[in-house]
Amino acid sequence: MDFLALVVGLVLPWLLGCSVLFALDWPRPAADAGASDVPANVNALRLGFGYFIGALLLTLWMRALSAAGIGFGRLSIGAPLLAAAAALWLFAGRDKRVSLAGAREAASSLIRPALPRWQRIGWMLLLAWLAFRFASLAVEVAWRPLYPWEAWTQWATKARVWYELSRIAPFVPADVWLAGPSVAFFDASPDARATIPLLQVWSSVALGRWDDSAMNWPWLLMLVALALATYGALRDAAIAPLGSLIGAYFVASLPLLDAHVALAGYADLMLSGVYALSALAFHRWVLRRDVHDGVLALLLALACPLIEQPGIVWTLTLVPGVIVALLPRRGPRVVAASFGVAALALVVLARTTSTLLGYSVHLDYQPPWRALADAYLMLGNWHLLWYAAAALAIVGARRLFRPPLAPLASVVASALALLFIGLAFANDVAAWFADFAAINRVTLHVAPLLTCFCVLLWGELTAPGPAQTPATMPQAEVRGVAVATDA
């Protein structure tokens, strides 16, 4: 019975997020596609994006309950969200956009698409390998208790307190807590965001008891959802079905990404997933100029700071892409000039004493390039990602500055600039750059997006003739994008 309650609790945010996307009819398929022939990429996008959206909505609802003085419980949390999901599902089915036959056919097209024999064999082998990988990670989540690292000292502390109190209680620094009587608590990071602990609280509430292992099942669902969203986004961008599945496999098989599932409890996996999905939704908006894509990208970008404090910085890396998308001719020059101004500002700050976001900002005359090279090129945390990214950037340099990849390339370039250059000027961060775990954790935030971008660039390089447009895109929309990019 407890297991069934946990399963229902885990499925609830997924159902809620998918219901929201169904009601909004996102992503919109081709105008001539009926309910029974919705392409597999549409369903993969809904499933992939749906879990992250549902998880965010779940935690926002729990924040609202706590603010209203209502305790956490199965009924107070689950019943309204289940009712909302059901209402949205019924609303989406009014015009028969949802049908059992269509869902069955869509699932069949996702599991066994119409491919040549050798591609079908590769498809089935990759699906089997992904299923085995997810199953092995599920065993890790089920058997391994909460690992006593930062997940144990920073996030789970809040989850345990909030579960016992059935509400969100404040956490303060140790000196404030020791100063006198207080209703607050303290741990290793009292200013950490509440999203991750609230997910853990809901898992325990659904289960009916505190369990520091079972509360970490959402991390496995995040990885599955990220793989689905990756496949859907790549397929939606005209990458072949097998190539899209290979891209999803590349993302799901990143060693450090899998480690954050096996050693669940950190916020990095959710932040990297939400950030990658925001950028992919933005890329879809660039291709189609559908307002739904733009709104979804914006909301996911704004959700990044709700997961971790550095999320605000990753959100800002989307701004150069927006500039390039809105100003196709002058945008790249504006972004390049902005990078130059930023570099000049860093040089100025290197000669002064100042503080930015609590960090002492100055020039580090011994940046950790050797440590970065070892972490990216010598160790096994990223397979061949950085070799592939460097090779593709050299071979496809011209493609990076032309539609349709130019806006997304600006986002990736901003993220990499932040990763390689910006952090080297912060003395506090440079101190822990000697720790490979710290390097790789901050790199994890951008690795899924970089992997997707490499597959998209490869698709552009291998596409016959002119750059392809999504197969499901109506001709009017294709012409609209062409006009917009040449304006």
Protein backbone atom coordinates (compact mmCIF):
# COMPACT_ATOMS: atom_id res chain seq x y z
CA MET A 1 0.00 0.00 0.00
CA ASP A 2 2.85 2.37 0.83
CA PHE A 3 4.50 1.55 -2.48
CA LEU A 4 1.29 2.30 -4.38
CA ALA A 5 0.90 5.62 -2.55
CA LEU A 6 4.49 6.54 -3.44
CA VAL A 7 3.93 5.69 -7.11
CA VAL A 8 0.81 7.85 -7.21
CA GLY A 9 2.72 10.69 -5.54
CA LEU A 10 5.53 10.43 -8.08
CA VAL A 11 3.17 10.29 -11.06
CA LEU A 12 1.06 13.24 -9.86
CA PRO A 13 3.44 16.07 -10.89
CA TRP A 14 4.06 14.33 -14.21
CA LEU A 15 0.32 14.09 -14.82
CA LEU A 16 -0.16 17.71 -13.78
CA GLY A 17 2.54 19.05 -16.08
CA CYS A 18 1.36 17.01 -19.06
CA SER A 19 -2.22 18.14 -18.43
CA VAL A 20 -1.13 21.77 -18.50
CA LEU A 21 0.64 21.24 -21.83
CA PHE A 22 -2.35 19.30 -23.23
CA ALA A 23 -4.69 22.12 -22.25
CA LEU A 24 -2.41 24.66 -23.91
CA ASP A 25 -2.08 22.38 -26.96
CA TRP A 26 1.70 22.50 -26.67
CA PRO A 27 3.63 21.61 -28.67
CA ARG A 28 1.37 22.27 -31.61
CA PRO A 29 1.72 19.68 -34.39
CA ALA A 30 1.20 20.36 -38.07
CA ALA A 31 -2.13 21.90 -38.99
CA ASP A 32 -3.17 18.77 -40.92
CA ALA A 33 -2.25 16.30 -38.12
CA GLY A 34 -5.21 14.59 -36.46
CA ALA A 35 -5.45 13.10 -32.99
CA SER A 36 -4.48 9.68 -34.28
CA ASP A 37 -1.32 10.73 -36.11
CA VAL A 38 0.30 13.11 -33.66
CA PRO A 39 4.03 12.67 -34.28
CA ALA A 40 6.11 10.91 -31.66
CA ASN A 41 8.22 14.00 -31.07
CA VAL A 42 5.14 15.91 -29.86
CA ASN A 43 4.40 13.28 -27.24
CA ALA A 44 8.04 13.05 -26.23
CA LEU A 45 8.15 16.82 -25.77
CA ARG A 46 4.98 16.80 -23.68
CA LEU A 47 6.22 13.99 -21.48
CA GLY A 48 9.70 15.43 -21.08
CA PHE A 49 8.72 19.02 -20.40
CA GLY A 50 5.64 17.89 -18.47
CA TYR A 51 7.51 16.38 -15.56
CA PHE A 52 9.67 19.44 -14.90
CA ILE A 53 6.68 21.76 -15.21
CA GLY A 54 4.62 19.59 -12.89
CA ALA A 55 7.41 19.37 -10.32
CA LEU A 56 7.77 23.16 -10.30
CA LEU A 57 4.00 23.65 -9.97
CA LEU A 58 3.92 21.13 -7.13
CA THR A 59 6.54 23.01 -5.14
CA LEU A 60 4.84 26.35 -5.81
CA TRP A 61 1.58 24.91 -4.49
CA MET A 62 3.36 23.67 -1.37
CA ARG A 63 4.81 27.14 -0.83
CA ALA A 64 1.31 28.60 -1.11
CA LEU A 65 -0.07 26.08 1.40
CA SER A 66 2.66 26.90 3.89
CA ALA A 67 2.11 30.63 3.48
CA ALA A 68 -1.61 30.12 4.10
CA GLY A 69 -0.93 28.13 7.27
CA ILE A 70 -2.22 24.84 5.83
CA GLY A 71 -0.18 21.78 6.80
CA PHE A 72 1.36 19.41 4.29
CA GLY A 73 -0.66 16.24 3.72
CA ARG A 74 -1.83 13.90 1.02
CA LEU A 75 -5.19 15.63 0.78
CA SER A 76 -4.01 19.23 1.10
CA ILE A 77 -1.30 18.77 -1.54
CA GLY A 78 -2.44 15.93 -3.74
CA ALA A 79 -6.21 16.35 -3.97
CA PRO A 80 -6.27 19.91 -5.44
CA LEU A 81 -3.47 19.09 -7.89
CA LEU A 82 -5.18 15.89 -8.99
CA ALA A 83 -8.44 17.78 -9.45
CA ALA A 84 -6.63 20.45 -11.46
CA ALA A 85 -4.99 17.80 -13.65
CA ALA A 86 -8.33 16.11 -14.27
CA ALA A 87 -10.03 19.40 -15.14
CA LEU A 88 -7.25 20.32 -17.55
CA TRP A 89 -7.41 16.89 -19.14
CA LEU A 90 -11.16 17.20 -19.68
CA PHE A 91 -10.68 20.70 -21.08
CA ALA A 92 -8.07 19.42 -23.52
CA GLY A 93 -10.41 16.62 -24.62
CA ARG A 94 -13.31 18.90 -25.51
CA ASP A 95 -12.22 19.19 -29.13
CA LYS A 96 -11.12 15.53 -29.24
CA ARG A 97 -7.43 16.35 -29.21
CA VAL A 98 -6.97 13.37 -26.87
CA SER A 99 -8.03 9.84 -27.71
CA LEU A 100 -7.00 6.37 -26.62
CA ALA A 101 -6.38 5.34 -30.21
CA GLY A 102 -4.18 8.35 -30.81
CA ALA A 103 -2.24 7.76 -27.60
CA ARG A 104 -1.75 4.08 -28.47
CA GLU A 105 -0.54 4.90 -31.96
CA ALA A 106 1.76 7.64 -30.67
CA ALA A 107 3.28 5.26 -28.12
CA SER A 108 3.77 2.67 -30.85
CA SER A 109 5.49 5.21 -33.09
CA LEU A 110 7.81 6.15 -30.24
CA ILE A 111 8.73 2.56 -29.39
CA ARG A 112 8.76 1.06 -32.89
CA PRO A 113 8.93 3.79 -35.55
CA ALA A 114 8.83 3.03 -39.26
CA LEU A 115 12.53 2.75 -40.05
CA PRO A 116 14.75 0.71 -42.35
CA ARG A 117 15.74 -2.63 -40.88
CA TRP A 118 19.26 -1.74 -39.76
CA GLN A 119 18.03 1.49 -38.19
CA ARG A 120 15.22 -0.38 -36.44
CA ILE A 121 17.79 -2.77 -34.98
CA GLY A 122 19.88 0.14 -33.73
CA TRP A 123 16.74 1.79 -32.38
CA MET A 124 15.73 -1.28 -30.38
CA LEU A 125 19.27 -1.79 -29.05
CA LEU A 126 19.45 1.82 -27.88
CA LEU A 127 16.02 1.61 -26.24
CA ALA A 128 17.04 -1.60 -24.49
CA TRP A 129 20.27 -0.03 -23.28
CA LEU A 130 18.47 3.06 -21.99
CA ALA A 131 15.91 0.85 -20.22
CA PHE A 132 18.72 -1.15 -18.62
CA ARG A 133 20.46 2.05 -17.56
CA PHE A 134 17.31 3.47 -15.99
CA ALA A 135 16.65 0.14 -14.26
CA SER A 136 20.16 0.02 -12.79
CA LEU A 137 19.81 3.56 -11.54
CA ALA A 138 16.43 2.66 -10.04
CA VAL A 139 18.17 -0.06 -8.04
CA GLU A 140 20.68 2.51 -6.78
CA VAL A 141 17.91 4.87 -5.72
CA ALA A 142 15.95 2.11 -4.00
CA TRP A 143 18.84 0.53 -2.10
CA ARG A 144 21.22 3.37 -1.33
CA PRO A 145 20.40 5.60 1.66
CA LEU A 146 20.99 9.32 1.47
CA TYR A 147 24.72 9.81 0.91
CA PRO A 148 26.38 11.98 3.58
CA TRP A 149 27.68 14.76 1.39
CA GLU A 150 26.11 18.12 0.60
CA ALA A 151 22.78 16.47 -0.13
CA TRP A 152 22.76 15.33 3.49
CA THR A 153 23.93 18.61 5.06
CA GLN A 154 22.22 21.22 2.87
CA TRP A 155 19.01 19.93 1.29
CA ALA A 156 17.75 16.94 3.29
CA THR A 157 18.01 18.87 6.56
CA LYS A 158 15.29 21.21 5.37
CA ALA A 159 13.22 18.37 3.99
CA ARG A 160 13.28 16.52 7.34
CA VAL A 161 12.33 19.59 9.36
CA TRP A 162 9.57 20.64 6.97
CA TYR A 163 8.19 17.12 6.82
CA GLU A 164 8.00 16.88 10.61
CA LEU A 165 6.44 20.35 10.94
CA SER A 166 4.20 19.99 7.86
CA ARG A 167 5.17 23.49 6.78
CA ILE A 168 8.12 25.55 5.62
CA ALA A 169 10.18 26.78 8.56
CA PRO A 170 12.95 29.40 8.19
CA PHE A 171 16.64 28.48 8.28
CA VAL A 172 19.20 31.04 9.44
CA PRO A 173 23.01 31.14 9.82
CA ALA A 174 24.46 29.49 12.89
CA ASP A 175 25.49 32.79 14.54
CA VAL A 176 21.92 34.10 14.28
CA TRP A 177 20.54 30.87 15.68
CA LEU A 178 23.00 30.93 18.58
CA ALA A 179 22.30 34.59 19.35
CA GLY A 180 19.12 33.82 21.22
CA PRO A 181 15.72 32.07 21.25
CA SER A 182 14.43 31.53 17.75
CA VAL A 183 11.84 29.45 15.93
CA ALA A 184 14.27 29.08 13.04
CA PHE A 185 16.70 26.27 12.27
CA PHE A 186 20.18 26.18 10.79
CA ASP A 187 22.23 23.91 8.56
CA ALA A 188 25.21 24.09 6.20
CA SER A 189 23.37 26.35 3.72
CA PRO A 190 20.45 28.18 5.32
CA ASP A 191 19.85 30.35 2.23
CA ALA A 192 19.42 27.41 -0.16
CA ARG A 193 16.27 27.42 -2.29
CA ALA A 194 13.22 25.47 -1.16
CA THR A 195 12.36 23.62 -4.40
CA ILE A 196 14.51 20.54 -3.86
CA PRO A 197 13.54 19.96 -0.19
CA LEU A 198 9.87 20.38 -1.07
CA LEU A 199 10.11 17.64 -3.69
CA GLN A 200 11.61 15.38 -1.03
CA VAL A 201 8.92 16.37 1.45
CA TRP A 202 6.16 15.47 -1.02
CA SER A 203 7.70 12.04 -1.68
CA SER A 204 7.71 11.34 2.06
CA VAL A 205 4.19 12.71 2.51
CA ALA A 206 2.92 10.52 -0.32
CA LEU A 207 4.71 7.52 1.17
CA GLY A 208 3.29 8.24 4.59
CA ARG A 209 6.57 8.21 6.47
CA TRP A 210 10.05 9.72 6.37
CA ASP A 211 12.37 7.68 4.15
CA ASP A 212 15.68 9.26 3.13
CA SER A 213 15.99 6.81 0.23
CA ALA A 214 12.46 6.72 -1.20
CA MET A 215 12.23 10.51 -1.15
CA ASN A 216 14.87 10.64 -3.92
CA TRP A 217 12.89 8.87 -6.66
CA PRO A 218 12.19 12.21 -8.43
CA TRP A 219 15.84 12.31 -9.55
CA LEU A 220 15.36 9.21 -11.69
CA LEU A 221 12.20 10.70 -13.18
CA MET A 222 14.13 13.88 -13.99
CA LEU A 223 16.65 11.87 -16.01
CA VAL A 224 13.91 9.99 -17.89
CA ALA A 225 12.06 13.24 -18.58
CA LEU A 226 15.26 14.93 -19.77
CA ALA A 227 15.92 12.05 -22.18
CA LEU A 228 12.37 12.27 -23.55
CA ALA A 229 12.56 16.04 -23.95
CA THR A 230 15.92 15.74 -25.69
CA TYR A 231 14.58 13.23 -28.18
CA GLY A 232 11.47 15.31 -28.84
CA ALA A 233 13.41 18.56 -29.29
CA LEU A 234 15.96 17.01 -31.66
CA ARG A 235 13.27 15.24 -33.67
CA ASP A 236 11.27 18.45 -33.78
CA ALA A 237 14.31 20.20 -35.26
CA ALA A 238 14.36 17.75 -38.22
CA ILE A 239 17.03 15.41 -36.83
CA ALA A 240 16.33 11.85 -38.01
CA PRO A 241 14.57 9.54 -35.52
CA LEU A 242 17.62 7.37 -34.87
CA GLY A 243 19.87 10.42 -34.62
CA SER A 244 17.48 12.00 -32.12
CA LEU A 245 17.49 8.84 -30.01
CA ILE A 246 21.28 8.79 -30.14
CA GLY A 247 21.25 12.38 -28.88
CA ALA A 248 18.95 11.39 -26.02
CA TYR A 249 21.30 8.51 -25.25
CA PHE A 250 24.27 10.89 -25.20
CA VAL A 251 22.51 13.05 -22.62
CA ALA A 252 21.24 10.19 -20.45
CA SER A 253 24.60 8.41 -20.46
CA LEU A 254 26.72 11.33 -19.22
CA PRO A 255 28.55 9.70 -16.27
CA LEU A 256 28.20 12.63 -13.87
CA LEU A 257 24.53 13.06 -14.76
CA ASP A 258 23.94 9.44 -13.84
CA ALA A 259 25.95 9.88 -10.64
CA HIS A 260 23.57 12.63 -9.57
CA VAL A 261 20.72 10.13 -9.91
CA ALA A 262 22.49 7.32 -8.08
CA LEU A 263 23.63 9.74 -5.35
CA ALA A 264 20.37 11.69 -5.45
CA GLY A 265 19.66 14.73 -3.35
CA TYR A 266 21.49 17.57 -5.12
CA ALA A 267 19.91 20.43 -7.03
CA ASP A 268 22.32 20.35 -9.99
CA LEU A 269 20.41 17.76 -12.03
CA MET A 270 17.11 19.65 -11.84
CA LEU A 271 18.80 22.97 -12.60
CA SER A 272 20.59 21.54 -15.64
CA GLY A 273 17.34 19.99 -16.87
CA VAL A 274 15.23 23.12 -16.48
CA TYR A 275 17.96 25.28 -18.05
CA ALA A 276 18.38 22.92 -21.02
CA LEU A 277 14.63 22.72 -21.58
CA SER A 278 14.33 26.49 -21.43
CA ALA A 279 16.98 26.84 -24.13
CA LEU A 280 15.38 24.11 -26.28
CA ALA A 281 11.97 25.76 -25.99
CA PHE A 282 13.65 29.02 -27.02
CA HIS A 283 15.17 27.28 -30.05
CA ARG A 284 11.72 26.00 -30.99
CA TRP A 285 10.40 29.56 -30.76
CA VAL A 286 13.21 30.71 -33.06
CA LEU A 287 12.17 28.13 -35.65
CA ARG A 288 8.41 28.69 -35.44
CA ARG A 289 7.80 32.01 -33.67
CA ASP A 290 4.93 30.40 -31.77
CA VAL A 291 4.08 32.48 -28.70
CA HIS A 292 3.52 29.30 -26.69
CA ASP A 293 7.16 28.31 -27.16
CA GLY A 294 8.36 31.75 -26.13
CA VAL A 295 6.22 31.83 -22.99
CA LEU A 296 7.33 28.34 -22.00
CA ALA A 297 10.99 29.23 -22.50
CA LEU A 298 10.56 32.38 -20.41
CA LEU A 299 8.79 30.60 -17.56
CA LEU A 300 11.39 27.83 -17.41
CA ALA A 301 14.18 30.39 -17.47
CA LEU A 302 12.60 32.30 -14.60
CA ALA A 303 12.27 29.02 -12.68
CA CYS A 304 16.05 28.44 -12.66
CA PRO A 305 16.65 30.78 -9.68
CA LEU A 306 13.97 28.90 -7.74
CA ILE A 307 16.14 25.78 -7.84
CA GLU A 308 19.59 27.18 -7.00
CA GLN A 309 21.01 30.64 -6.49
CA PRO A 310 23.34 30.39 -9.55
CA GLY A 311 20.22 29.83 -11.63
CA ILE A 312 19.83 33.57 -12.08
CA VAL A 313 23.18 33.66 -13.88
CA TRP A 314 22.23 30.84 -16.22
CA THR A 315 18.94 32.60 -16.93
CA LEU A 316 20.83 35.68 -18.06
CA THR A 317 22.80 33.62 -20.59
CA LEU A 318 19.59 33.35 -22.63
CA VAL A 319 19.55 37.10 -23.23
CA PRO A 320 22.20 37.10 -26.03
CA GLY A 321 20.20 34.46 -27.88
CA VAL A 322 17.07 36.60 -27.69
CA ILE A 323 19.00 39.57 -29.07
CA VAL A 324 20.29 37.53 -32.02
CA ALA A 325 16.82 36.11 -32.69
CA LEU A 326 15.14 39.53 -32.69
CA LEU A 327 17.96 41.27 -34.60
CA PRO A 328 19.28 38.67 -37.07
CA ARG A 329 21.57 41.12 -38.88
CA ARG A 330 22.84 43.36 -36.08
CA GLY A 331 22.30 41.00 -33.19
CA PRO A 332 25.55 39.03 -33.53
CA ARG A 333 27.54 42.27 -33.61
CA VAL A 334 25.67 43.56 -30.56
CA VAL A 335 26.39 40.34 -28.68
CA ALA A 336 30.05 40.36 -29.71
CA ALA A 337 30.37 43.97 -28.55
CA SER A 338 28.69 43.05 -25.27
CA PHE A 339 31.22 40.29 -24.73
CA GLY A 340 33.99 42.80 -25.34
CA VAL A 341 32.49 45.27 -22.86
CA ALA A 342 32.16 42.47 -20.31
CA ALA A 343 35.81 41.52 -20.79
CA LEU A 344 36.83 45.15 -20.34
CA ALA A 345 34.72 45.39 -17.19
CA LEU A 346 36.47 42.33 -15.78
CA VAL A 347 39.84 43.94 -16.42
CA VAL A 348 38.68 47.08 -14.61
CA LEU A 349 37.37 45.06 -11.72
CA ALA A 350 40.68 43.24 -11.55
CA ARG A 351 42.36 46.52 -10.62
CA THR A 352 39.81 47.45 -7.98
CA THR A 353 38.38 45.99 -4.81
CA SER A 354 34.68 45.25 -5.14
CA THR A 355 32.07 42.69 -4.16
CA LEU A 356 29.49 41.12 -6.47
CA LEU A 357 26.74 38.81 -5.16
CA GLY A 358 28.74 38.24 -2.01
CA TYR A 359 31.95 37.27 -3.86
CA SER A 360 35.17 39.22 -3.96
CA VAL A 361 35.73 39.93 -7.66
CA HIS A 362 39.25 40.37 -8.95
CA LEU A 363 41.59 38.95 -11.57
CA ASP A 364 43.00 35.52 -10.81
CA TYR A 365 46.50 35.53 -12.26
CA GLN A 366 46.62 31.75 -12.02
CA PRO A 367 43.32 30.60 -13.53
CA PRO A 368 42.65 26.87 -13.21
CA TRP A 369 43.02 26.02 -16.89
CA ARG A 370 45.08 22.92 -16.09
CA ALA A 371 42.42 21.64 -13.72
CA LEU A 372 39.72 22.33 -16.31
CA ALA A 373 41.68 20.50 -19.01
CA ASP A 374 42.15 17.50 -16.74
CA ALA A 375 38.48 17.44 -15.74
CA TYR A 376 37.14 17.77 -19.30
CA LEU A 377 39.70 15.92 -21.41
CA MET A 378 41.49 13.41 -19.20
CA LEU A 379 38.92 12.11 -16.73
CA GLY A 380 35.87 10.05 -17.62
CA ASN A 381 33.10 12.31 -16.33
CA TRP A 382 31.99 13.53 -19.76
CA HIS A 383 33.05 10.76 -22.17
CA LEU A 384 34.11 12.55 -25.39
CA LEU A 385 31.75 15.53 -25.06
CA TRP A 386 34.41 18.21 -25.00
CA TYR A 387 36.45 16.65 -27.79
CA ALA A 388 33.31 16.46 -29.94
CA ALA A 389 32.27 20.02 -29.06
CA ALA A 390 35.68 21.42 -30.01
CA ALA A 391 35.83 19.47 -33.28
CA LEU A 392 32.29 20.43 -34.30
CA ALA A 393 32.89 24.09 -33.43
CA ILE A 394 35.91 24.16 -35.73
CA VAL A 395 34.30 22.28 -38.62
CA GLY A 396 30.96 24.05 -38.37
CA ALA A 397 32.16 27.54 -37.44
CA ARG A 398 30.26 29.17 -40.29
CA ARG A 399 27.01 27.46 -39.33
CA LEU A 400 27.22 28.93 -35.85
CA PHE A 401 26.68 32.45 -37.15
CA ARG A 402 23.76 31.68 -39.47
CA PRO A 403 20.13 30.73 -38.89
CA PRO A 404 18.73 28.59 -37.50
CA LEU A 405 21.53 27.91 -35.00
CA ALA A 406 22.83 31.45 -34.43
CA PRO A 407 20.49 32.33 -31.50
CA LEU A 408 21.06 29.04 -29.67
CA ALA A 409 24.79 29.27 -30.42
CA SER A 410 24.80 32.65 -28.66
CA VAL A 411 23.20 31.07 -25.60
CA VAL A 412 25.75 28.26 -25.54
CA ALA A 413 28.62 30.69 -26.09
CA SER A 414 27.41 32.83 -23.18
CA ALA A 415 27.17 29.79 -20.92
CA LEU A 416 30.65 28.62 -21.86
CA ALA A 417 32.07 32.11 -21.41
CA LEU A 418 30.57 32.19 -17.94
CA LEU A 419 31.98 28.75 -17.23
CA PHE A 420 35.51 29.25 -18.54
CA ILE A 421 36.20 32.93 -17.98
CA GLY A 422 33.77 34.51 -15.54
CA LEU A 423 34.41 32.10 -12.68
CA ALA A 424 38.16 32.49 -13.06
CA PHE A 425 37.87 36.08 -11.83
CA ALA A 426 36.09 35.21 -8.59
CA ASN A 427 38.60 34.45 -5.90
CA ASP A 428 36.20 32.45 -3.73
CA VAL A 429 35.28 30.18 -6.63
CA ALA A 430 38.85 29.76 -7.80
CA ALA A 431 39.70 28.35 -4.36
CA TRP A 432 37.44 25.33 -4.90
CA PHE A 433 38.34 24.90 -8.56
CA ALA A 434 41.16 22.67 -7.36
CA ASP A 435 38.43 20.16 -6.45
CA PHE A 436 37.39 18.21 -9.55
CA ALA A 437 33.95 17.55 -8.06
CA ALA A 438 33.29 21.28 -7.86
CA ILE A 439 34.40 21.82 -11.46
CA ASN A 440 32.18 19.07 -12.74
CA ARG A 441 29.15 20.07 -10.71
CA VAL A 442 29.07 23.57 -12.16
CA THR A 443 29.75 22.11 -15.62
CA LEU A 444 26.75 19.80 -15.22
CA HIS A 445 24.46 22.82 -15.47
CA VAL A 446 25.38 23.36 -19.11
CA ALA A 447 26.40 19.84 -20.25
CA PRO A 448 22.94 18.59 -21.40
CA LEU A 449 22.37 21.74 -23.44
CA LEU A 450 25.86 21.51 -24.95
CA THR A 451 25.21 17.90 -25.91
CA CYS A 452 21.94 18.80 -27.63
CA PHE A 453 23.60 21.68 -29.44
CA CYS A 454 26.36 19.40 -30.74
CA VAL A 455 23.74 17.05 -32.20
CA LEU A 456 21.89 19.97 -33.78
CA LEU A 457 25.14 21.27 -35.30
CA TRP A 458 25.97 17.82 -36.60
CA GLY A 459 22.53 17.66 -38.18
CA GLU A 460 23.14 20.98 -39.92
CA LEU A 461 26.53 19.82 -41.20
CA THR A 462 25.18 16.54 -42.57
CA ALA A 463 21.88 17.87 -43.96
CA PRO A 464 21.74 17.67 -47.76
CA GLY A 465 21.30 21.02 -49.46
CA PRO A 466 19.87 24.01 -47.55
CA ALA A 467 19.30 23.94 -43.81
CA GLN A 468 16.31 21.80 -42.97
CA THR A 469 13.19 22.96 -41.22
CA PRO A 470 11.09 20.83 -38.88
CA ALA A 471 9.09 18.21 -40.76
CA THR A 472 5.91 19.12 -38.91
CA MET A 473 6.18 22.82 -39.72
CA PRO A 474 3.50 24.23 -42.06
CA GLN A 475 4.76 25.94 -45.20
CA ALA A 476 3.33 29.27 -44.12
CA GLU A 477 5.34 29.08 -40.91
CA VAL A 478 8.47 28.13 -42.86
CA ARG A 479 8.10 31.26 -44.98
CA GLY A 480 7.40 33.29 -41.85
CA VAL A 481 10.66 32.23 -40.29
CA ALA A 482 12.55 32.99 -43.48
CA VAL A 483 11.12 36.46 -43.61
CA ALA A 484 11.82 37.04 -39.92
CA THR A 485 15.46 35.97 -40.19
CA ASP A 486 16.13 38.10 -43.23
CA ALA A 487 14.44 41.22 -41.86
